[in-house]
Amino acid sequence: MKAIEITSYGAPEVLRVAERADPVAGAGELLIRVAASGVNRPDVLQRKGHYPVPPGASDLPGLEVAGEIIAGDAAALAEAGFKVGDRVCALIAGGGYAELCVAPVAQCLPVPKGWSDTEAASLPETFFTVWSNVFERGRLQKGETLLIQGGSSGIGVTAIQIAKALGATVIVTAGSDDKCEACKKLGADHAINYRTSDFAEEAKKLTGGKGVDVILDMVAGDYVAREIECLAEDGRLVIIAVQGGLKGEINAGLVLRRRLTITGSTLRPRPVAFKGAIAKALREKVWPLLESGAIKPVIHSIFAAGGEPSGAAQAHTLMESNQHIGKIVLTW
């Protein structure tokens, strides 16, 4: 099969098309002929040497794919209600930038009715991440307020749509007025340009001084102290990335007085059973929203995987520019 390799750690140009042996599905797994692969920020970190591959995972980048099942563990397929020939999208621990990909059956979901494979490839990484962190760890409830840092990112546009569909008020931050407007068109109630306004002060104003109930943070660093300031009593801060740095000082007194929860997670190294439970929750609670049109695909750019420079290199260059709104996808 053709695949995209990281030939050495470095700039996007280190991503090159290569030939690899076809993978084989084992117990509890299926083999997908990949039509499209999602591109995510962790792929960029892996390319730079900052995101180690979990033990046993493919060294190829790529954490989500969509395509056709061409083989697999018959018993596992039957138990999950899949068969050879079905179109699925899958969350994987690596190996998504390839024409063929093995995935645990438990981490696969049907391509939503009416969605293309390219659209479906934009789903797993962000939807698993948002569900696990906003709704399970963050316990966001109907009627509460969610603040999303980086509302125009793949994670951001997913969190906006799911939270709004499930009855939350959504505030986002973004780095330009155009991005703020795009977030509002996707359903965000309020959008704050963090380059021109203090998001913490604005969030407090927008909530009448109460503060927000849940914050989804991809920045960390010195943002954490400001986020604590704008959390409501019993508020929850969920950190899923550290683009702003690993360290920052906080006012622990506010954490005590307001009974705040500060938590975080990474998804890639978690076991199949954990990810499978998220898949079941998504299929029950979110997939109907996709099929009804309440949640729509938000894809900024699509690149053909092959060529020189590879489409993957072009995709990574775009991601690092931070000029995109929504997802970036490779097609095979």
C-alpha atoms as a PDB file:
ATOM      1  CA  MET A   1       0.000   0.000   0.000  1.00  0.00           C
ATOM      2  CA  LYS A   2       0.953   3.654  -0.292  1.00  0.00           C
ATOM      3  CA  ALA A   3       1.405   5.542   2.960  1.00  0.00           C
ATOM      4  CA  ILE A   4       2.787   8.829   4.261  1.00  0.00           C
ATOM      5  CA  GLU A   5       5.916   8.381   6.371  1.00  0.00           C
ATOM      6  CA  ILE A   6       7.675  10.756   8.736  1.00  0.00           C
ATOM      7  CA  THR A   7      11.169  10.395   7.238  1.00  0.00           C
ATOM      8  CA  SER A   8      12.767  12.421  10.049  1.00  0.00           C
ATOM      9  CA  TYR A   9      11.534  14.899  12.619  1.00  0.00           C
ATOM     10  CA  GLY A  10      11.136  18.375  11.218  1.00  0.00           C
ATOM     11  CA  ALA A  11       9.175  20.605   8.847  1.00  0.00           C
ATOM     12  CA  PRO A  12       6.148  19.445   6.815  1.00  0.00           C
ATOM     13  CA  GLU A  13       8.443  18.405   3.942  1.00  0.00           C
ATOM     14  CA  VAL A  14       9.635  15.383   5.963  1.00  0.00           C
ATOM     15  CA  LEU A  15       6.261  13.769   5.148  1.00  0.00           C
ATOM     16  CA  ARG A  16       6.847  11.572   2.099  1.00  0.00           C
ATOM     17  CA  VAL A  17       4.857   9.004   0.132  1.00  0.00           C
ATOM     18  CA  ALA A  18       6.255   5.480   0.657  1.00  0.00           C
ATOM     19  CA  GLU A  19       5.366   1.847   0.044  1.00  0.00           C
ATOM     20  CA  ARG A  20       4.442  -0.215   3.099  1.00  0.00           C
ATOM     21  CA  ALA A  21       3.315  -3.817   3.581  1.00  0.00           C
ATOM     22  CA  ASP A  22      -0.447  -4.176   3.751  1.00  0.00           C
ATOM     23  CA  PRO A  23      -1.614  -4.413   7.378  1.00  0.00           C
ATOM     24  CA  VAL A  24      -3.601  -7.454   8.567  1.00  0.00           C
ATOM     25  CA  ALA A  25      -6.558  -7.286  10.950  1.00  0.00           C
ATOM     26  CA  GLY A  26      -6.200  -9.328  14.134  1.00  0.00           C
ATOM     27  CA  ALA A  27      -8.633 -10.360  16.857  1.00  0.00           C
ATOM     28  CA  GLY A  28     -11.255  -7.674  17.482  1.00  0.00           C
ATOM     29  CA  GLU A  29     -10.084  -5.667  14.477  1.00  0.00           C
ATOM     30  CA  LEU A  30     -11.169  -4.833  10.940  1.00  0.00           C
ATOM     31  CA  LEU A  31      -9.314  -3.666   7.835  1.00  0.00           C
ATOM     32  CA  ILE A  32     -10.440  -0.494   6.087  1.00  0.00           C
ATOM     33  CA  ARG A  33      -9.723   0.546   2.500  1.00  0.00           C
ATOM     34  CA  VAL A  34      -9.185   4.190   3.310  1.00  0.00           C
ATOM     35  CA  ALA A  35     -10.986   6.802   1.250  1.00  0.00           C
ATOM     36  CA  ALA A  36     -10.034   9.745   3.444  1.00  0.00           C
ATOM     37  CA  SER A  37      -7.862  10.508   6.469  1.00  0.00           C
ATOM     38  CA  GLY A  38      -8.380  13.349   8.935  1.00  0.00           C
ATOM     39  CA  VAL A  39      -5.481  15.648   9.808  1.00  0.00           C
ATOM     40  CA  ASN A  40      -5.123  16.731  13.434  1.00  0.00           C
ATOM     41  CA  ARG A  41      -2.807  18.807  15.618  1.00  0.00           C
ATOM     42  CA  PRO A  42      -1.311  15.667  17.265  1.00  0.00           C
ATOM     43  CA  ASP A  43      -0.088  14.585  13.797  1.00  0.00           C
ATOM     44  CA  VAL A  44       1.929  17.810  13.651  1.00  0.00           C
ATOM     45  CA  LEU A  45       3.363  17.175  17.108  1.00  0.00           C
ATOM     46  CA  GLN A  46       4.299  13.615  16.100  1.00  0.00           C
ATOM     47  CA  ARG A  47       6.021  14.900  12.958  1.00  0.00           C
ATOM     48  CA  LYS A  48       8.108  17.235  15.114  1.00  0.00           C
ATOM     49  CA  GLY A  49       9.037  14.468  17.554  1.00  0.00           C
ATOM     50  CA  HIS A  50       6.908  15.807  20.415  1.00  0.00           C
ATOM     51  CA  TYR A  51       4.190  13.134  20.566  1.00  0.00           C
ATOM     52  CA  PRO A  52       5.514   9.593  21.127  1.00  0.00           C
ATOM     53  CA  VAL A  53       3.703   6.724  19.441  1.00  0.00           C
ATOM     54  CA  PRO A  54       1.953   4.460  21.994  1.00  0.00           C
ATOM     55  CA  PRO A  55       3.384   0.942  22.341  1.00  0.00           C
ATOM     56  CA  GLY A  56       2.093  -1.335  19.586  1.00  0.00           C
ATOM     57  CA  ALA A  57       0.699   1.467  17.423  1.00  0.00           C
ATOM     58  CA  SER A  58       1.771   2.173  13.839  1.00  0.00           C
ATOM     59  CA  ASP A  59       4.577   4.693  13.392  1.00  0.00           C
ATOM     60  CA  LEU A  60       2.593   6.246  10.534  1.00  0.00           C
ATOM     61  CA  PRO A  61       0.728   9.419  11.482  1.00  0.00           C
ATOM     62  CA  GLY A  62      -3.044   9.680  11.309  1.00  0.00           C
ATOM     63  CA  LEU A  63      -5.648   9.198  14.052  1.00  0.00           C
ATOM     64  CA  GLU A  64      -8.884   8.976  12.041  1.00  0.00           C
ATOM     65  CA  VAL A  65     -10.024   7.468   8.755  1.00  0.00           C
ATOM     66  CA  ALA A  66     -13.125   6.640   6.773  1.00  0.00           C
ATOM     67  CA  GLY A  67     -13.689   4.052   4.085  1.00  0.00           C
ATOM     68  CA  GLU A  68     -14.912   0.536   3.340  1.00  0.00           C
ATOM     69  CA  ILE A  69     -14.493  -2.569   5.492  1.00  0.00           C
ATOM     70  CA  ILE A  70     -12.652  -5.169   3.378  1.00  0.00           C
ATOM     71  CA  ALA A  71     -11.831  -7.790   6.053  1.00  0.00           C
ATOM     72  CA  GLY A  72     -11.987  -8.396   9.763  1.00  0.00           C
ATOM     73  CA  ASP A  73     -12.711 -10.527  12.820  1.00  0.00           C
ATOM     74  CA  ALA A  74     -16.050 -12.095  11.851  1.00  0.00           C
ATOM     75  CA  ALA A  75     -17.323 -12.465  15.405  1.00  0.00           C
ATOM     76  CA  ALA A  76     -16.399  -8.903  16.370  1.00  0.00           C
ATOM     77  CA  LEU A  77     -17.955  -7.538  13.187  1.00  0.00           C
ATOM     78  CA  ALA A  78     -21.204  -9.411  13.803  1.00  0.00           C
ATOM     79  CA  GLU A  79     -21.375  -8.295  17.423  1.00  0.00           C
ATOM     80  CA  ALA A  80     -20.971  -4.661  16.360  1.00  0.00           C
ATOM     81  CA  GLY A  81     -23.502  -4.987  13.541  1.00  0.00           C
ATOM     82  CA  PHE A  82     -20.942  -4.481  10.761  1.00  0.00           C
ATOM     83  CA  LYS A  83     -20.134  -6.563   7.678  1.00  0.00           C
ATOM     84  CA  VAL A  84     -17.569  -6.500   4.895  1.00  0.00           C
ATOM     85  CA  GLY A  85     -18.524  -3.762   2.442  1.00  0.00           C
ATOM     86  CA  ASP A  86     -19.929  -1.390   5.057  1.00  0.00           C
ATOM     87  CA  ARG A  87     -18.659   2.190   5.148  1.00  0.00           C
ATOM     88  CA  VAL A  88     -17.239   3.204   8.512  1.00  0.00           C
ATOM     89  CA  CYS A  89     -15.149   5.886  10.151  1.00  0.00           C
ATOM     90  CA  ALA A  90     -12.713   4.978  12.876  1.00  0.00           C
ATOM     91  CA  LEU A  91     -10.583   6.388  15.647  1.00  0.00           C
ATOM     92  CA  ILE A  92      -7.136   4.811  15.612  1.00  0.00           C
ATOM     93  CA  ALA A  93      -3.876   5.135  17.564  1.00  0.00           C
ATOM     94  CA  GLY A  94      -1.843   5.691  14.379  1.00  0.00           C
ATOM     95  CA  GLY A  95      -1.538   4.535  10.777  1.00  0.00           C
ATOM     96  CA  GLY A  96      -4.279   6.679   9.282  1.00  0.00           C
ATOM     97  CA  TYR A  97      -2.167   8.272   6.543  1.00  0.00           C
ATOM     98  CA  ALA A  98      -2.334   5.156   4.354  1.00  0.00           C
ATOM     99  CA  GLU A  99      -4.447   3.392   1.739  1.00  0.00           C
ATOM    100  CA  LEU A 100      -5.223   0.570   4.168  1.00  0.00           C
ATOM    101  CA  CYS A 101      -5.696   0.807   7.917  1.00  0.00           C
ATOM    102  CA  VAL A 102      -6.465  -1.607  10.753  1.00  0.00           C
ATOM    103  CA  ALA A 103      -8.856  -0.391  13.455  1.00  0.00           C
ATOM    104  CA  PRO A 104     -10.402  -1.936  16.563  1.00  0.00           C
ATOM    105  CA  VAL A 105     -14.010  -2.785  15.732  1.00  0.00           C
ATOM    106  CA  ALA A 106     -15.105  -1.102  18.976  1.00  0.00           C
ATOM    107  CA  GLN A 107     -13.659   2.220  17.791  1.00  0.00           C
ATOM    108  CA  CYS A 108     -15.568   2.226  14.489  1.00  0.00           C
ATOM    109  CA  LEU A 109     -18.823   3.977  13.719  1.00  0.00           C
ATOM    110  CA  PRO A 110     -20.995   3.838  10.609  1.00  0.00           C
ATOM    111  CA  VAL A 111     -20.595   6.668   8.130  1.00  0.00           C
ATOM    112  CA  PRO A 112     -23.651   8.822   8.955  1.00  0.00           C
ATOM    113  CA  LYS A 113     -26.455   8.583   6.428  1.00  0.00           C
ATOM    114  CA  GLY A 114     -26.052  11.305   3.819  1.00  0.00           C
ATOM    115  CA  TRP A 115     -22.369  11.921   4.613  1.00  0.00           C
ATOM    116  CA  SER A 116     -19.478  11.266   2.232  1.00  0.00           C
ATOM    117  CA  ASP A 117     -16.371   9.348   3.304  1.00  0.00           C
ATOM    118  CA  THR A 118     -14.411  12.606   3.189  1.00  0.00           C
ATOM    119  CA  GLU A 119     -16.887  14.238   5.557  1.00  0.00           C
ATOM    120  CA  ALA A 120     -16.937  11.183   7.834  1.00  0.00           C
ATOM    121  CA  ALA A 121     -13.126  11.181   8.086  1.00  0.00           C
ATOM    122  CA  SER A 122     -13.401  14.563   9.805  1.00  0.00           C
ATOM    123  CA  LEU A 123     -15.413  13.118  12.685  1.00  0.00           C
ATOM    124  CA  PRO A 124     -13.688  10.592  14.976  1.00  0.00           C
ATOM    125  CA  GLU A 125     -10.746  12.407  16.590  1.00  0.00           C
ATOM    126  CA  THR A 126     -12.650  15.574  17.445  1.00  0.00           C
ATOM    127  CA  PHE A 127     -15.960  13.924  18.307  1.00  0.00           C
ATOM    128  CA  PHE A 128     -14.391  11.303  20.608  1.00  0.00           C
ATOM    129  CA  THR A 129     -12.270  14.039  22.223  1.00  0.00           C
ATOM    130  CA  VAL A 130     -15.119  16.499  22.729  1.00  0.00           C
ATOM    131  CA  TRP A 131     -17.537  13.900  24.062  1.00  0.00           C
ATOM    132  CA  SER A 132     -15.004  12.451  26.490  1.00  0.00           C
ATOM    133  CA  ASN A 133     -13.828  15.807  27.805  1.00  0.00           C
ATOM    134  CA  VAL A 134     -16.776  18.191  27.614  1.00  0.00           C
ATOM    135  CA  PHE A 135     -19.601  15.811  28.439  1.00  0.00           C
ATOM    136  CA  GLU A 136     -17.955  13.080  30.502  1.00  0.00           C
ATOM    137  CA  ARG A 137     -15.079  14.784  32.333  1.00  0.00           C
ATOM    138  CA  GLY A 138     -16.617  18.280  32.192  1.00  0.00           C
ATOM    139  CA  ARG A 139     -20.187  17.057  32.820  1.00  0.00           C
ATOM    140  CA  LEU A 140     -21.717  19.842  30.705  1.00  0.00           C
ATOM    141  CA  GLN A 141     -25.483  19.883  31.171  1.00  0.00           C
ATOM    142  CA  LYS A 142     -28.381  21.423  29.264  1.00  0.00           C
ATOM    143  CA  GLY A 143     -28.761  25.069  30.265  1.00  0.00           C
ATOM    144  CA  GLU A 144     -25.130  25.497  31.315  1.00  0.00           C
ATOM    145  CA  THR A 145     -22.525  27.718  29.647  1.00  0.00           C
ATOM    146  CA  LEU A 146     -19.456  26.352  27.848  1.00  0.00           C
ATOM    147  CA  LEU A 147     -16.388  28.458  26.989  1.00  0.00           C
ATOM    148  CA  ILE A 148     -14.314  27.005  24.143  1.00  0.00           C
ATOM    149  CA  GLN A 149     -10.771  28.260  23.628  1.00  0.00           C
ATOM    150  CA  GLY A 150     -10.031  28.197  19.891  1.00  0.00           C
ATOM    151  CA  GLY A 151     -13.540  27.945  18.534  1.00  0.00           C
ATOM    152  CA  SER A 152     -12.497  27.810  14.877  1.00  0.00           C
ATOM    153  CA  SER A 153     -10.279  24.719  15.270  1.00  0.00           C
ATOM    154  CA  GLY A 154     -11.467  21.217  14.416  1.00  0.00           C
ATOM    155  CA  ILE A 155     -12.116  20.580  18.112  1.00  0.00           C
ATOM    156  CA  GLY A 156     -13.786  23.959  18.435  1.00  0.00           C
ATOM    157  CA  VAL A 157     -16.303  23.632  15.612  1.00  0.00           C
ATOM    158  CA  THR A 158     -17.225  20.173  16.895  1.00  0.00           C
ATOM    159  CA  ALA A 159     -17.702  21.379  20.469  1.00  0.00           C
ATOM    160  CA  ILE A 160     -19.819  24.334  19.318  1.00  0.00           C
ATOM    161  CA  GLN A 161     -22.217  22.148  17.368  1.00  0.00           C
ATOM    162  CA  ILE A 162     -22.617  19.329  19.885  1.00  0.00           C
ATOM    163  CA  ALA A 163     -23.004  21.672  22.857  1.00  0.00           C
ATOM    164  CA  LYS A 164     -25.597  23.806  21.085  1.00  0.00           C
ATOM    165  CA  ALA A 165     -27.510  20.755  19.857  1.00  0.00           C
ATOM    166  CA  LEU A 166     -27.680  19.464  23.437  1.00  0.00           C
ATOM    167  CA  GLY A 167     -28.952  22.714  24.898  1.00  0.00           C
ATOM    168  CA  ALA A 168     -25.910  24.606  26.226  1.00  0.00           C
ATOM    169  CA  THR A 169     -24.997  28.263  25.800  1.00  0.00           C
ATOM    170  CA  VAL A 170     -21.674  28.542  23.953  1.00  0.00           C
ATOM    171  CA  ILE A 171     -18.994  31.224  24.187  1.00  0.00           C
ATOM    172  CA  VAL A 172     -15.861  30.870  22.059  1.00  0.00           C
ATOM    173  CA  THR A 173     -12.544  32.620  21.653  1.00  0.00           C
ATOM    174  CA  ALA A 174     -10.840  33.038  18.275  1.00  0.00           C
ATOM    175  CA  GLY A 175      -7.936  35.029  16.868  1.00  0.00           C
ATOM    176  CA  SER A 176      -9.722  37.257  14.351  1.00  0.00           C
ATOM    177  CA  ASP A 177     -13.083  38.910  13.768  1.00  0.00           C
ATOM    178  CA  ASP A 178     -13.628  36.689  10.717  1.00  0.00           C
ATOM    179  CA  LYS A 179     -13.083  33.551  12.785  1.00  0.00           C
ATOM    180  CA  CYS A 180     -15.400  34.884  15.482  1.00  0.00           C
ATOM    181  CA  GLU A 181     -18.110  35.467  12.886  1.00  0.00           C
ATOM    182  CA  ALA A 182     -17.620  31.954  11.475  1.00  0.00           C
ATOM    183  CA  CYS A 183     -18.066  30.488  14.951  1.00  0.00           C
ATOM    184  CA  LYS A 184     -21.314  32.399  15.442  1.00  0.00           C
ATOM    185  CA  LYS A 185     -22.600  31.100  12.111  1.00  0.00           C
ATOM    186  CA  LEU A 186     -21.958  27.571  13.414  1.00  0.00           C
ATOM    187  CA  GLY A 187     -24.120  28.301  16.449  1.00  0.00           C
ATOM    188  CA  ALA A 188     -21.901  29.964  19.056  1.00  0.00           C
ATOM    189  CA  ASP A 189     -23.920  32.463  21.099  1.00  0.00           C
ATOM    190  CA  HIS A 190     -20.936  34.754  21.667  1.00  0.00           C
ATOM    191  CA  ALA A 191     -17.439  35.001  20.202  1.00  0.00           C
ATOM    192  CA  ILE A 192     -14.502  36.855  21.757  1.00  0.00           C
ATOM    193  CA  ASN A 193     -11.488  38.000  19.734  1.00  0.00           C
ATOM    194  CA  TYR A 194      -8.715  37.150  22.194  1.00  0.00           C
ATOM    195  CA  ARG A 195      -6.290  39.474  20.385  1.00  0.00           C
ATOM    196  CA  THR A 196      -8.391  42.555  21.118  1.00  0.00           C
ATOM    197  CA  SER A 197     -10.302  41.631  24.297  1.00  0.00           C
ATOM    198  CA  ASP A 198      -9.631  39.987  27.667  1.00  0.00           C
ATOM    199  CA  PHE A 199     -11.572  36.734  27.363  1.00  0.00           C
ATOM    200  CA  ALA A 200     -11.938  36.337  31.140  1.00  0.00           C
ATOM    201  CA  GLU A 201     -13.488  39.784  31.604  1.00  0.00           C
ATOM    202  CA  GLU A 202     -15.727  39.331  28.572  1.00  0.00           C
ATOM    203  CA  ALA A 203     -16.908  35.897  29.742  1.00  0.00           C
ATOM    204  CA  LYS A 204     -17.858  37.331  33.127  1.00  0.00           C
ATOM    205  CA  LYS A 205     -19.756  40.190  31.463  1.00  0.00           C
ATOM    206  CA  LEU A 206     -21.584  37.818  29.128  1.00  0.00           C
ATOM    207  CA  THR A 207     -22.739  35.704  32.075  1.00  0.00           C
ATOM    208  CA  GLY A 208     -23.806  38.654  34.226  1.00  0.00           C
ATOM    209  CA  GLY A 209     -20.868  38.103  36.570  1.00  0.00           C
ATOM    210  CA  LYS A 210     -21.777  34.460  37.280  1.00  0.00           C
ATOM    211  CA  GLY A 211     -19.017  32.939  35.177  1.00  0.00           C
ATOM    212  CA  VAL A 212     -19.051  29.947  32.869  1.00  0.00           C
ATOM    213  CA  ASP A 213     -19.761  26.385  33.961  1.00  0.00           C
ATOM    214  CA  VAL A 214     -17.262  24.511  31.776  1.00  0.00           C
ATOM    215  CA  ILE A 215     -14.139  25.575  29.872  1.00  0.00           C
ATOM    216  CA  LEU A 216     -12.536  23.481  27.124  1.00  0.00           C
ATOM    217  CA  ASP A 217      -8.915  24.602  27.037  1.00  0.00           C
ATOM    218  CA  MET A 218      -6.308  23.789  24.386  1.00  0.00           C
ATOM    219  CA  VAL A 219      -3.870  26.493  25.516  1.00  0.00           C
ATOM    220  CA  ALA A 220      -2.981  25.978  29.226  1.00  0.00           C
ATOM    221  CA  GLY A 221       0.083  28.005  30.322  1.00  0.00           C
ATOM    222  CA  ASP A 222      -0.892  31.412  31.675  1.00  0.00           C
ATOM    223  CA  TYR A 223      -4.467  30.945  30.402  1.00  0.00           C
ATOM    224  CA  VAL A 224      -5.260  28.672  33.361  1.00  0.00           C
ATOM    225  CA  ALA A 225      -5.127  31.464  35.956  1.00  0.00           C
ATOM    226  CA  ARG A 226      -7.450  33.642  33.870  1.00  0.00           C
ATOM    227  CA  GLU A 227      -9.809  30.726  33.237  1.00  0.00           C
ATOM    228  CA  ILE A 228     -10.117  30.099  36.962  1.00  0.00           C
ATOM    229  CA  GLU A 229     -11.172  33.736  37.359  1.00  0.00           C
ATOM    230  CA  CYS A 230     -14.102  33.354  34.960  1.00  0.00           C
ATOM    231  CA  LEU A 231     -15.436  29.986  36.165  1.00  0.00           C
ATOM    232  CA  ALA A 232     -18.750  29.905  38.004  1.00  0.00           C
ATOM    233  CA  GLU A 233     -19.148  28.175  41.354  1.00  0.00           C
ATOM    234  CA  ASP A 234     -18.671  24.418  40.902  1.00  0.00           C
ATOM    235  CA  GLY A 235     -17.148  25.172  37.478  1.00  0.00           C
ATOM    236  CA  ARG A 236     -15.025  22.670  35.568  1.00  0.00           C
ATOM    237  CA  LEU A 237     -11.871  23.416  33.586  1.00  0.00           C
ATOM    238  CA  VAL A 238     -10.840  20.678  31.152  1.00  0.00           C
ATOM    239  CA  ILE A 239      -7.381  20.931  29.582  1.00  0.00           C
ATOM    240  CA  ILE A 240      -6.742  18.885  26.431  1.00  0.00           C
ATOM    241  CA  ALA A 241      -3.618  20.540  24.991  1.00  0.00           C
ATOM    242  CA  VAL A 242      -0.784  22.819  26.103  1.00  0.00           C
ATOM    243  CA  GLN A 243      -0.161  25.066  23.113  1.00  0.00           C
ATOM    244  CA  GLY A 244       0.514  27.967  25.485  1.00  0.00           C
ATOM    245  CA  GLY A 245       2.969  26.138  27.713  1.00  0.00           C
ATOM    246  CA  LEU A 246       3.147  23.560  30.471  1.00  0.00           C
ATOM    247  CA  LYS A 247       3.331  25.856  33.491  1.00  0.00           C
ATOM    248  CA  GLY A 248       1.402  28.713  35.042  1.00  0.00           C
ATOM    249  CA  GLU A 249       0.558  30.148  38.455  1.00  0.00           C
ATOM    250  CA  ILE A 250      -2.991  29.945  39.805  1.00  0.00           C
ATOM    251  CA  ASN A 251      -5.013  31.427  42.636  1.00  0.00           C
ATOM    252  CA  ALA A 252      -5.696  28.309  44.703  1.00  0.00           C
ATOM    253  CA  GLY A 253      -7.997  30.308  46.940  1.00  0.00           C
ATOM    254  CA  LEU A 254     -10.474  30.728  44.086  1.00  0.00           C
ATOM    255  CA  VAL A 255     -10.375  26.974  43.469  1.00  0.00           C
ATOM    256  CA  LEU A 256     -11.321  26.379  47.113  1.00  0.00           C
ATOM    257  CA  ARG A 257     -13.943  29.087  47.502  1.00  0.00           C
ATOM    258  CA  ARG A 258     -15.734  28.298  44.238  1.00  0.00           C
ATOM    259  CA  ARG A 259     -15.310  24.489  44.533  1.00  0.00           C
ATOM    260  CA  LEU A 260     -13.691  24.303  41.095  1.00  0.00           C
ATOM    261  CA  THR A 261     -12.527  21.191  39.271  1.00  0.00           C
ATOM    262  CA  ILE A 262      -9.383  21.314  37.111  1.00  0.00           C
ATOM    263  CA  THR A 263      -8.914  18.201  35.007  1.00  0.00           C
ATOM    264  CA  GLY A 264      -7.554  17.065  31.671  1.00  0.00           C
ATOM    265  CA  SER A 265      -6.840  14.051  29.520  1.00  0.00           C
ATOM    266  CA  THR A 266      -5.132  12.617  26.475  1.00  0.00           C
ATOM    267  CA  LEU A 267      -7.055  10.163  24.326  1.00  0.00           C
ATOM    268  CA  ARG A 268      -4.489   8.385  22.174  1.00  0.00           C
ATOM    269  CA  PRO A 269      -2.969   6.051  24.821  1.00  0.00           C
ATOM    270  CA  ARG A 270      -6.297   5.047  26.405  1.00  0.00           C
ATOM    271  CA  PRO A 271      -7.362   1.384  26.011  1.00  0.00           C
ATOM    272  CA  VAL A 272      -9.772   0.116  23.366  1.00  0.00           C
ATOM    273  CA  ALA A 273     -12.487  -0.534  25.963  1.00  0.00           C
ATOM    274  CA  PHE A 274     -12.432   3.124  27.029  1.00  0.00           C
ATOM    275  CA  LYS A 275     -12.638   4.394  23.453  1.00  0.00           C
ATOM    276  CA  GLY A 276     -15.277   1.801  22.626  1.00  0.00           C
ATOM    277  CA  ALA A 277     -17.494   3.160  25.399  1.00  0.00           C
ATOM    278  CA  ILE A 278     -17.188   6.640  23.896  1.00  0.00           C
ATOM    279  CA  ALA A 279     -18.116   5.225  20.482  1.00  0.00           C
ATOM    280  CA  LYS A 280     -21.296   3.700  21.947  1.00  0.00           C
ATOM    281  CA  ALA A 281     -22.270   6.993  23.550  1.00  0.00           C
ATOM    282  CA  LEU A 282     -21.653   8.880  20.309  1.00  0.00           C
ATOM    283  CA  ARG A 283     -23.690   6.412  18.276  1.00  0.00           C
ATOM    284  CA  GLU A 284     -26.613   6.728  20.685  1.00  0.00           C
ATOM    285  CA  LYS A 285     -26.586  10.451  21.456  1.00  0.00           C
ATOM    286  CA  VAL A 286     -24.730  12.267  18.673  1.00  0.00           C
ATOM    287  CA  TRP A 287     -25.028  10.211  15.470  1.00  0.00           C
ATOM    288  CA  PRO A 288     -28.790  10.968  15.202  1.00  0.00           C
ATOM    289  CA  LEU A 289     -27.888  14.674  15.267  1.00  0.00           C
ATOM    290  CA  LEU A 290     -25.477  14.152  12.361  1.00  0.00           C
ATOM    291  CA  GLU A 291     -28.036  12.255  10.311  1.00  0.00           C
ATOM    292  CA  SER A 292     -30.796  14.807  10.997  1.00  0.00           C
ATOM    293  CA  GLY A 293     -28.579  17.690   9.867  1.00  0.00           C
ATOM    294  CA  ALA A 294     -28.505  19.328  13.306  1.00  0.00           C
ATOM    295  CA  ILE A 295     -24.716  18.953  13.159  1.00  0.00           C
ATOM    296  CA  LYS A 296     -22.983  19.527   9.834  1.00  0.00           C
ATOM    297  CA  PRO A 297     -19.478  18.768   8.523  1.00  0.00           C
ATOM    298  CA  VAL A 298     -17.080  21.707   8.674  1.00  0.00           C
ATOM    299  CA  ILE A 299     -14.165  21.024   6.322  1.00  0.00           C
ATOM    300  CA  HIS A 300     -11.809  23.833   5.407  1.00  0.00           C
ATOM    301  CA  SER A 301      -9.539  22.064   2.914  1.00  0.00           C
ATOM    302  CA  ILE A 302      -9.092  18.698   1.200  1.00  0.00           C
ATOM    303  CA  PHE A 303      -5.715  17.538  -0.160  1.00  0.00           C
ATOM    304  CA  ALA A 304      -4.857  14.523  -2.308  1.00  0.00           C
ATOM    305  CA  ALA A 305      -2.467  12.456  -0.204  1.00  0.00           C
ATOM    306  CA  GLY A 306       0.038  11.622  -2.933  1.00  0.00           C
ATOM    307  CA  GLY A 307       2.366  13.744  -5.022  1.00  0.00           C
ATOM    308  CA  GLU A 308       5.531  15.689  -4.248  1.00  0.00           C
ATOM    309  CA  PRO A 309       5.381  17.557  -2.021  1.00  0.00           C
ATOM    310  CA  SER A 310       2.782  15.274  -0.523  1.00  0.00           C
ATOM    311  CA  GLY A 311      -0.709  16.511   0.177  1.00  0.00           C
ATOM    312  CA  ALA A 312       0.056  15.715   3.793  1.00  0.00           C
ATOM    313  CA  ALA A 313       2.901  18.250   3.774  1.00  0.00           C
ATOM    314  CA  GLN A 314       0.570  20.880   2.347  1.00  0.00           C
ATOM    315  CA  ALA A 315      -2.061  19.983   4.949  1.00  0.00           C
ATOM    316  CA  HIS A 316       0.425  20.327   7.803  1.00  0.00           C
ATOM    317  CA  THR A 317       1.630  23.664   6.475  1.00  0.00           C
ATOM    318  CA  LEU A 318      -1.946  24.932   6.497  1.00  0.00           C
ATOM    319  CA  MET A 319      -2.588  23.585   9.996  1.00  0.00           C
ATOM    320  CA  GLU A 320       0.494  25.304  11.366  1.00  0.00           C
ATOM    321  CA  SER A 321      -0.552  28.580   9.760  1.00  0.00           C
ATOM    322  CA  ASN A 322      -3.707  28.571  11.912  1.00  0.00           C
ATOM    323  CA  GLN A 323      -5.610  30.063   8.975  1.00  0.00           C
ATOM    324  CA  HIS A 324      -8.155  27.261   8.718  1.00  0.00           C
ATOM    325  CA  ILE A 325     -11.660  27.089  10.149  1.00  0.00           C
ATOM    326  CA  GLY A 326     -12.720  23.500  10.762  1.00  0.00           C
ATOM    327  CA  LYS A 327     -11.106  20.303   9.582  1.00  0.00           C
ATOM    328  CA  ILE A 328      -8.386  19.402   7.078  1.00  0.00           C
ATOM    329  CA  VAL A 329      -8.704  16.062   5.245  1.00  0.00           C
ATOM    330  CA  LEU A 330      -6.504  13.910   2.985  1.00  0.00           C
ATOM    331  CA  THR A 331      -8.059  11.787   0.245  1.00  0.00           C
ATOM    332  CA  TRP A 332      -6.694   8.584  -1.320  1.00  0.00           C
END
